[in-house]
Amino acid sequence: MKHHEAVLFDMDGTLLDTLEDLADSMNEVLAARGFPAHPPAAYKQFVGLGIVRMIEQALPAAAGDDELLQACLDEMNRVYAERWACKTRLYPGIAATLSGLAKRKVPMAIFSNKPHEFTTVMAKHFLADWHFAAVLGARAGYPRKPDPAVALEISGRLAVPPDRFLYVGDTGTDMATARAAGMTAVGVLWGFRDEAELTAGGAQAIIRAPGELPALL
């Protein structure tokens, strides 16, 4: 593997275990409308392509008209705004790994398909001990993953060529984004998806614990 100068992280399922707060919030939205809830593990497959896609996956197949989807989106944003810090936590080993990268002065950034407002406030709350040169979530007018546009925007902001980035994520979407951007795709196995999906998505390296990341630089 070539020398790398910077690391671009996904957030949910990579830096933060957000699964239970997302599941609890969405299940509250579903219950208010008389729809069945889902176990938290089911949300591992619902997340990754943005909040609207998560809602579409959680709703019963025959219930997904545009009006209902918008109402659920509005309610999910309200409920999640009250709950995002209840059970969410850093994955074990993330703090030490981020500190090690910071000590080596490795530039770091975050790119998430979570709405930008949630991405930034959660980064400030959970990740304030480390400097991220860019923290970007889903913004109006910008494409979501797997489109590489925002990853390339971050490359430009950091003045580091794409092929000098490790792109670290937990889904096939992350791997596809990395490959499309010309970054090295690093899949993590402590997140929401399995090794088969990461490999199919184009992972060039797969790690089982955060402490394995620095050796890839």
C-alpha atoms as a PDB file:
ATOM      1  CA  MET A   1       0.000   0.000   0.000  1.00  0.00           C
ATOM      2  CA  LYS A   2       1.256   3.487  -0.879  1.00  0.00           C
ATOM      3  CA  HIS A   3       2.102   6.186   1.653  1.00  0.00           C
ATOM      4  CA  HIS A   4      -0.936   8.070   2.938  1.00  0.00           C
ATOM      5  CA  GLU A   5      -1.083  11.536   4.477  1.00  0.00           C
ATOM      6  CA  ALA A   6      -4.683  11.978   5.701  1.00  0.00           C
ATOM      7  CA  VAL A   7      -7.693  10.033   6.944  1.00  0.00           C
ATOM      8  CA  LEU A   8     -11.324  10.621   6.007  1.00  0.00           C
ATOM      9  CA  PHE A   9     -13.759   8.943   8.385  1.00  0.00           C
ATOM     10  CA  ASP A  10     -17.384   7.984   8.070  1.00  0.00           C
ATOM     11  CA  MET A  11     -19.123   8.721  11.383  1.00  0.00           C
ATOM     12  CA  ASP A  12     -22.044   6.366  12.188  1.00  0.00           C
ATOM     13  CA  GLY A  13     -20.799   2.800  12.505  1.00  0.00           C
ATOM     14  CA  THR A  14     -17.181   3.905  12.223  1.00  0.00           C
ATOM     15  CA  LEU A  15     -16.401   6.492  14.901  1.00  0.00           C
ATOM     16  CA  LEU A  16     -19.705   6.444  16.795  1.00  0.00           C
ATOM     17  CA  ASP A  17     -22.077   3.623  17.666  1.00  0.00           C
ATOM     18  CA  THR A  18     -25.325   5.476  17.001  1.00  0.00           C
ATOM     19  CA  LEU A  19     -27.525   2.456  16.328  1.00  0.00           C
ATOM     20  CA  GLU A  20     -29.724   2.393  19.434  1.00  0.00           C
ATOM     21  CA  ASP A  21     -30.533   6.113  19.425  1.00  0.00           C
ATOM     22  CA  LEU A  22     -31.460   5.923  15.736  1.00  0.00           C
ATOM     23  CA  ALA A  23     -33.574   2.808  16.318  1.00  0.00           C
ATOM     24  CA  ASP A  24     -35.328   4.222  19.384  1.00  0.00           C
ATOM     25  CA  SER A  25     -36.108   7.464  17.570  1.00  0.00           C
ATOM     26  CA  MET A  26     -37.445   5.842  14.427  1.00  0.00           C
ATOM     27  CA  ASN A  27     -39.443   3.293  16.400  1.00  0.00           C
ATOM     28  CA  GLU A  28     -41.133   6.121  18.291  1.00  0.00           C
ATOM     29  CA  VAL A  29     -42.100   7.704  14.960  1.00  0.00           C
ATOM     30  CA  LEU A  30     -43.470   4.381  13.717  1.00  0.00           C
ATOM     31  CA  ALA A  31     -45.401   3.636  16.904  1.00  0.00           C
ATOM     32  CA  ALA A  32     -47.091   7.045  16.814  1.00  0.00           C
ATOM     33  CA  ARG A  33     -48.614   6.027  13.471  1.00  0.00           C
ATOM     34  CA  GLY A  34     -49.520   2.483  14.462  1.00  0.00           C
ATOM     35  CA  PHE A  35     -46.736   0.868  12.442  1.00  0.00           C
ATOM     36  CA  PRO A  36     -44.653  -2.007  13.833  1.00  0.00           C
ATOM     37  CA  ALA A  37     -41.279  -1.243  15.365  1.00  0.00           C
ATOM     38  CA  HIS A  38     -38.017  -2.974  14.409  1.00  0.00           C
ATOM     39  CA  PRO A  39     -35.293  -4.443  16.638  1.00  0.00           C
ATOM     40  CA  PRO A  40     -32.137  -2.302  16.782  1.00  0.00           C
ATOM     41  CA  ALA A  41     -30.191  -4.876  14.779  1.00  0.00           C
ATOM     42  CA  ALA A  42     -32.517  -4.341  11.812  1.00  0.00           C
ATOM     43  CA  TYR A  43     -31.376  -0.739  11.586  1.00  0.00           C
ATOM     44  CA  LYS A  44     -27.879  -1.909  10.657  1.00  0.00           C
ATOM     45  CA  GLN A  45     -29.321  -2.470   7.190  1.00  0.00           C
ATOM     46  CA  PHE A  46     -31.528   0.640   7.156  1.00  0.00           C
ATOM     47  CA  VAL A  47     -28.800   3.215   7.754  1.00  0.00           C
ATOM     48  CA  GLY A  48     -25.983   4.320   5.469  1.00  0.00           C
ATOM     49  CA  LEU A  49     -27.739   6.075   2.592  1.00  0.00           C
ATOM     50  CA  GLY A  50     -29.202   8.969   4.561  1.00  0.00           C
ATOM     51  CA  ILE A  51     -32.165   9.544   6.843  1.00  0.00           C
ATOM     52  CA  VAL A  52     -34.807   9.515   4.101  1.00  0.00           C
ATOM     53  CA  ARG A  53     -33.668   6.101   2.916  1.00  0.00           C
ATOM     54  CA  MET A  54     -33.699   4.846   6.514  1.00  0.00           C
ATOM     55  CA  ILE A  55     -37.314   5.968   6.912  1.00  0.00           C
ATOM     56  CA  GLU A  56     -38.290   4.327   3.621  1.00  0.00           C
ATOM     57  CA  GLN A  57     -36.747   1.073   4.821  1.00  0.00           C
ATOM     58  CA  ALA A  58     -38.432   1.246   8.235  1.00  0.00           C
ATOM     59  CA  LEU A  59     -41.928   1.989   6.933  1.00  0.00           C
ATOM     60  CA  PRO A  60     -44.177  -0.872   5.782  1.00  0.00           C
ATOM     61  CA  ALA A  61     -43.777  -1.408   2.050  1.00  0.00           C
ATOM     62  CA  ALA A  62     -47.312  -0.303   1.199  1.00  0.00           C
ATOM     63  CA  ALA A  63     -47.187   2.844   3.332  1.00  0.00           C
ATOM     64  CA  GLY A  64     -44.528   4.903   1.622  1.00  0.00           C
ATOM     65  CA  ASP A  65     -46.359   7.783  -0.095  1.00  0.00           C
ATOM     66  CA  ASP A  66     -44.628  11.154  -0.306  1.00  0.00           C
ATOM     67  CA  GLU A  67     -46.861  12.873   2.246  1.00  0.00           C
ATOM     68  CA  LEU A  68     -46.282  10.201   4.860  1.00  0.00           C
ATOM     69  CA  LEU A  69     -42.565  10.134   4.146  1.00  0.00           C
ATOM     70  CA  GLN A  70     -42.278  13.887   4.677  1.00  0.00           C
ATOM     71  CA  ALA A  71     -44.303  13.727   7.898  1.00  0.00           C
ATOM     72  CA  CYS A  72     -42.087  10.936   9.225  1.00  0.00           C
ATOM     73  CA  LEU A  73     -38.971  12.851   8.223  1.00  0.00           C
ATOM     74  CA  ASP A  74     -40.116  15.937  10.108  1.00  0.00           C
ATOM     75  CA  GLU A  75     -40.985  13.868  13.163  1.00  0.00           C
ATOM     76  CA  MET A  76     -37.767  11.860  13.034  1.00  0.00           C
ATOM     77  CA  ASN A  77     -35.721  15.052  12.964  1.00  0.00           C
ATOM     78  CA  ARG A  78     -37.625  16.338  15.992  1.00  0.00           C
ATOM     79  CA  VAL A  79     -37.370  13.114  17.999  1.00  0.00           C
ATOM     80  CA  TYR A  80     -33.739  12.428  17.137  1.00  0.00           C
ATOM     81  CA  ALA A  81     -32.794  15.986  18.105  1.00  0.00           C
ATOM     82  CA  GLU A  82     -33.896  15.087  21.646  1.00  0.00           C
ATOM     83  CA  ARG A  83     -32.272  11.655  21.763  1.00  0.00           C
ATOM     84  CA  TRP A  84     -29.036  11.553  19.749  1.00  0.00           C
ATOM     85  CA  ALA A  85     -26.811  11.538  22.856  1.00  0.00           C
ATOM     86  CA  CYS A  86     -28.755   9.079  25.042  1.00  0.00           C
ATOM     87  CA  LYS A  87     -27.030   5.815  24.093  1.00  0.00           C
ATOM     88  CA  THR A  88     -24.548   6.863  21.401  1.00  0.00           C
ATOM     89  CA  ARG A  89     -20.872   6.367  22.264  1.00  0.00           C
ATOM     90  CA  LEU A  90     -17.447   6.111  20.713  1.00  0.00           C
ATOM     91  CA  TYR A  91     -16.504   2.597  19.705  1.00  0.00           C
ATOM     92  CA  PRO A  92     -13.846   1.012  21.932  1.00  0.00           C
ATOM     93  CA  GLY A  93     -10.386   1.942  20.733  1.00  0.00           C
ATOM     94  CA  ILE A  94     -11.458   4.984  18.705  1.00  0.00           C
ATOM     95  CA  ALA A  95     -10.248   7.549  21.249  1.00  0.00           C
ATOM     96  CA  ALA A  96      -6.764   6.046  21.452  1.00  0.00           C
ATOM     97  CA  THR A  97      -6.523   5.760  17.668  1.00  0.00           C
ATOM     98  CA  LEU A  98      -7.597   9.368  17.081  1.00  0.00           C
ATOM     99  CA  SER A  99      -5.136  10.551  19.706  1.00  0.00           C
ATOM    100  CA  GLY A 100      -2.367   8.569  18.050  1.00  0.00           C
ATOM    101  CA  LEU A 101      -3.138  10.051  14.651  1.00  0.00           C
ATOM    102  CA  ALA A 102      -3.288  13.554  16.130  1.00  0.00           C
ATOM    103  CA  LYS A 103       0.075  13.037  17.810  1.00  0.00           C
ATOM    104  CA  ARG A 104       1.512  12.154  14.409  1.00  0.00           C
ATOM    105  CA  LYS A 105      -0.146  15.306  12.992  1.00  0.00           C
ATOM    106  CA  VAL A 106      -2.172  13.295  10.483  1.00  0.00           C
ATOM    107  CA  PRO A 107      -4.959  15.487   9.026  1.00  0.00           C
ATOM    108  CA  MET A 108      -8.402  14.032   9.712  1.00  0.00           C
ATOM    109  CA  ALA A 109     -11.893  14.768   8.403  1.00  0.00           C
ATOM    110  CA  ILE A 110     -15.436  13.380   8.653  1.00  0.00           C
ATOM    111  CA  PHE A 111     -17.965  12.776   5.868  1.00  0.00           C
ATOM    112  CA  SER A 112     -21.398  11.399   6.760  1.00  0.00           C
ATOM    113  CA  ASN A 113     -24.723  10.849   5.000  1.00  0.00           C
ATOM    114  CA  LYS A 114     -26.376  11.953   8.259  1.00  0.00           C
ATOM    115  CA  PRO A 115     -27.914  15.454   7.976  1.00  0.00           C
ATOM    116  CA  HIS A 116     -25.203  18.092   8.291  1.00  0.00           C
ATOM    117  CA  GLU A 117     -26.721  19.683  11.386  1.00  0.00           C
ATOM    118  CA  PHE A 118     -26.651  16.400  13.302  1.00  0.00           C
ATOM    119  CA  THR A 119     -23.185  15.533  11.989  1.00  0.00           C
ATOM    120  CA  THR A 120     -21.633  18.750  13.214  1.00  0.00           C
ATOM    121  CA  VAL A 121     -23.336  18.883  16.617  1.00  0.00           C
ATOM    122  CA  MET A 122     -22.477  15.247  17.322  1.00  0.00           C
ATOM    123  CA  ALA A 123     -18.872  15.750  16.294  1.00  0.00           C
ATOM    124  CA  LYS A 124     -18.631  18.700  18.679  1.00  0.00           C
ATOM    125  CA  HIS A 125     -20.185  16.671  21.494  1.00  0.00           C
ATOM    126  CA  PHE A 126     -18.417  13.333  21.135  1.00  0.00           C
ATOM    127  CA  LEU A 127     -15.228  14.198  19.227  1.00  0.00           C
ATOM    128  CA  ALA A 128     -14.233  17.594  20.579  1.00  0.00           C
ATOM    129  CA  ASP A 129     -10.921  16.257  21.915  1.00  0.00           C
ATOM    130  CA  TRP A 130      -9.576  15.910  18.371  1.00  0.00           C
ATOM    131  CA  HIS A 131      -9.215  18.334  15.484  1.00  0.00           C
ATOM    132  CA  PHE A 132     -10.991  17.508  12.242  1.00  0.00           C
ATOM    133  CA  ALA A 133     -10.106  19.771   9.346  1.00  0.00           C
ATOM    134  CA  ALA A 134     -13.583  19.267   7.852  1.00  0.00           C
ATOM    135  CA  VAL A 135     -16.817  17.812   9.220  1.00  0.00           C
ATOM    136  CA  LEU A 136     -19.485  17.458   6.542  1.00  0.00           C
ATOM    137  CA  GLY A 137     -22.854  15.749   6.554  1.00  0.00           C
ATOM    138  CA  ALA A 138     -25.662  15.676   4.013  1.00  0.00           C
ATOM    139  CA  ARG A 139     -26.279  19.226   2.770  1.00  0.00           C
ATOM    140  CA  ALA A 140     -28.892  20.583   0.402  1.00  0.00           C
ATOM    141  CA  GLY A 141     -27.492  20.842  -3.101  1.00  0.00           C
ATOM    142  CA  TYR A 142     -24.679  18.351  -2.515  1.00  0.00           C
ATOM    143  CA  PRO A 143     -24.854  14.682  -3.539  1.00  0.00           C
ATOM    144  CA  ARG A 144     -24.765  11.955  -0.913  1.00  0.00           C
ATOM    145  CA  LYS A 145     -22.509   8.949  -0.885  1.00  0.00           C
ATOM    146  CA  PRO A 146     -21.621   7.007  -2.981  1.00  0.00           C
ATOM    147  CA  ASP A 147     -21.149  10.105  -5.134  1.00  0.00           C
ATOM    148  CA  PRO A 148     -17.512  11.169  -4.585  1.00  0.00           C
ATOM    149  CA  ALA A 149     -18.090  14.932  -4.895  1.00  0.00           C
ATOM    150  CA  VAL A 150     -17.961  15.747  -1.171  1.00  0.00           C
ATOM    151  CA  ALA A 151     -14.992  13.448  -0.567  1.00  0.00           C
ATOM    152  CA  LEU A 152     -13.188  15.347  -3.317  1.00  0.00           C
ATOM    153  CA  GLU A 153     -14.304  18.646  -1.766  1.00  0.00           C
ATOM    154  CA  ILE A 154     -12.654  17.549   1.484  1.00  0.00           C
ATOM    155  CA  SER A 155      -9.502  16.585  -0.415  1.00  0.00           C
ATOM    156  CA  GLY A 156      -9.387  20.109  -1.805  1.00  0.00           C
ATOM    157  CA  ARG A 157     -10.003  21.740   1.571  1.00  0.00           C
ATOM    158  CA  LEU A 158      -7.143  19.782   3.139  1.00  0.00           C
ATOM    159  CA  ALA A 159      -4.879  20.269   0.086  1.00  0.00           C
ATOM    160  CA  VAL A 160      -4.110  16.544   0.109  1.00  0.00           C
ATOM    161  CA  PRO A 161      -4.495  14.578  -3.153  1.00  0.00           C
ATOM    162  CA  PRO A 162      -7.241  11.936  -3.083  1.00  0.00           C
ATOM    163  CA  ASP A 163      -4.783   9.084  -3.573  1.00  0.00           C
ATOM    164  CA  ARG A 164      -3.080  10.098  -0.324  1.00  0.00           C
ATOM    165  CA  PHE A 165      -6.247   9.563   1.737  1.00  0.00           C
ATOM    166  CA  LEU A 166      -7.349   6.552   3.682  1.00  0.00           C
ATOM    167  CA  TYR A 167     -11.146   6.538   3.540  1.00  0.00           C
ATOM    168  CA  VAL A 168     -12.438   4.612   6.569  1.00  0.00           C
ATOM    169  CA  GLY A 169     -16.020   3.352   6.723  1.00  0.00           C
ATOM    170  CA  ASP A 170     -18.286   0.466   7.646  1.00  0.00           C
ATOM    171  CA  THR A 171     -20.537   0.010   4.606  1.00  0.00           C
ATOM    172  CA  GLY A 172     -20.297  -0.933   0.972  1.00  0.00           C
ATOM    173  CA  THR A 173     -21.474   2.598   0.196  1.00  0.00           C
ATOM    174  CA  ASP A 174     -18.397   3.979   1.941  1.00  0.00           C
ATOM    175  CA  MET A 175     -16.146   1.660  -0.024  1.00  0.00           C
ATOM    176  CA  ALA A 176     -17.762   2.652  -3.308  1.00  0.00           C
ATOM    177  CA  THR A 177     -17.403   6.329  -2.398  1.00  0.00           C
ATOM    178  CA  ALA A 178     -13.728   5.878  -1.617  1.00  0.00           C
ATOM    179  CA  ARG A 179     -13.023   4.062  -4.861  1.00  0.00           C
ATOM    180  CA  ALA A 180     -14.937   6.645  -6.907  1.00  0.00           C
ATOM    181  CA  ALA A 181     -12.921   9.431  -5.272  1.00  0.00           C
ATOM    182  CA  GLY A 182      -9.592   7.694  -5.883  1.00  0.00           C
ATOM    183  CA  MET A 183      -8.994   7.179  -2.158  1.00  0.00           C
ATOM    184  CA  THR A 184      -7.882   3.947  -0.472  1.00  0.00           C
ATOM    185  CA  ALA A 185     -10.986   2.173   0.809  1.00  0.00           C
ATOM    186  CA  VAL A 186     -10.609   0.809   4.348  1.00  0.00           C
ATOM    187  CA  GLY A 187     -13.519  -1.227   5.712  1.00  0.00           C
ATOM    188  CA  VAL A 188     -14.092  -1.677   9.447  1.00  0.00           C
ATOM    189  CA  LEU A 189     -15.710  -4.738  10.990  1.00  0.00           C
ATOM    190  CA  TRP A 190     -16.918  -3.208  14.271  1.00  0.00           C
ATOM    191  CA  GLY A 191     -19.681  -1.223  12.542  1.00  0.00           C
ATOM    192  CA  PHE A 192     -23.036  -1.933  10.948  1.00  0.00           C
ATOM    193  CA  ARG A 193     -22.167  -4.205   8.010  1.00  0.00           C
ATOM    194  CA  ASP A 194     -20.173  -7.369   7.390  1.00  0.00           C
ATOM    195  CA  GLU A 195     -16.985  -8.271   5.569  1.00  0.00           C
ATOM    196  CA  ALA A 196     -18.821  -9.625   2.521  1.00  0.00           C
ATOM    197  CA  GLU A 197     -20.480  -6.257   1.875  1.00  0.00           C
ATOM    198  CA  LEU A 198     -17.241  -4.358   2.381  1.00  0.00           C
ATOM    199  CA  THR A 199     -15.389  -6.625  -0.015  1.00  0.00           C
ATOM    200  CA  ALA A 200     -18.147  -6.400  -2.613  1.00  0.00           C
ATOM    201  CA  GLY A 201     -18.073  -2.615  -2.263  1.00  0.00           C
ATOM    202  CA  GLY A 202     -14.390  -2.512  -3.160  1.00  0.00           C
ATOM    203  CA  ALA A 203     -12.540  -2.477   0.176  1.00  0.00           C
ATOM    204  CA  GLN A 204      -8.779  -2.480  -0.350  1.00  0.00           C
ATOM    205  CA  ALA A 205      -8.082  -3.192   3.309  1.00  0.00           C
ATOM    206  CA  ILE A 206     -10.274  -4.473   6.137  1.00  0.00           C
ATOM    207  CA  ILE A 207      -9.522  -3.929   9.805  1.00  0.00           C
ATOM    208  CA  ARG A 208     -11.056  -5.552  12.863  1.00  0.00           C
ATOM    209  CA  ALA A 209     -10.070  -2.992  15.509  1.00  0.00           C
ATOM    210  CA  PRO A 210      -9.301   0.759  15.395  1.00  0.00           C
ATOM    211  CA  GLY A 211      -5.741   0.152  16.547  1.00  0.00           C
ATOM    212  CA  GLU A 212      -4.978  -1.496  13.205  1.00  0.00           C
ATOM    213  CA  LEU A 213      -5.567   1.736  11.279  1.00  0.00           C
ATOM    214  CA  PRO A 214      -2.291   3.632  11.835  1.00  0.00           C
ATOM    215  CA  ALA A 215      -0.264   0.832  10.260  1.00  0.00           C
ATOM    216  CA  LEU A 216      -2.033   1.529   6.944  1.00  0.00           C
ATOM    217  CA  LEU A 217      -0.640   5.056   6.672  1.00  0.00           C
END
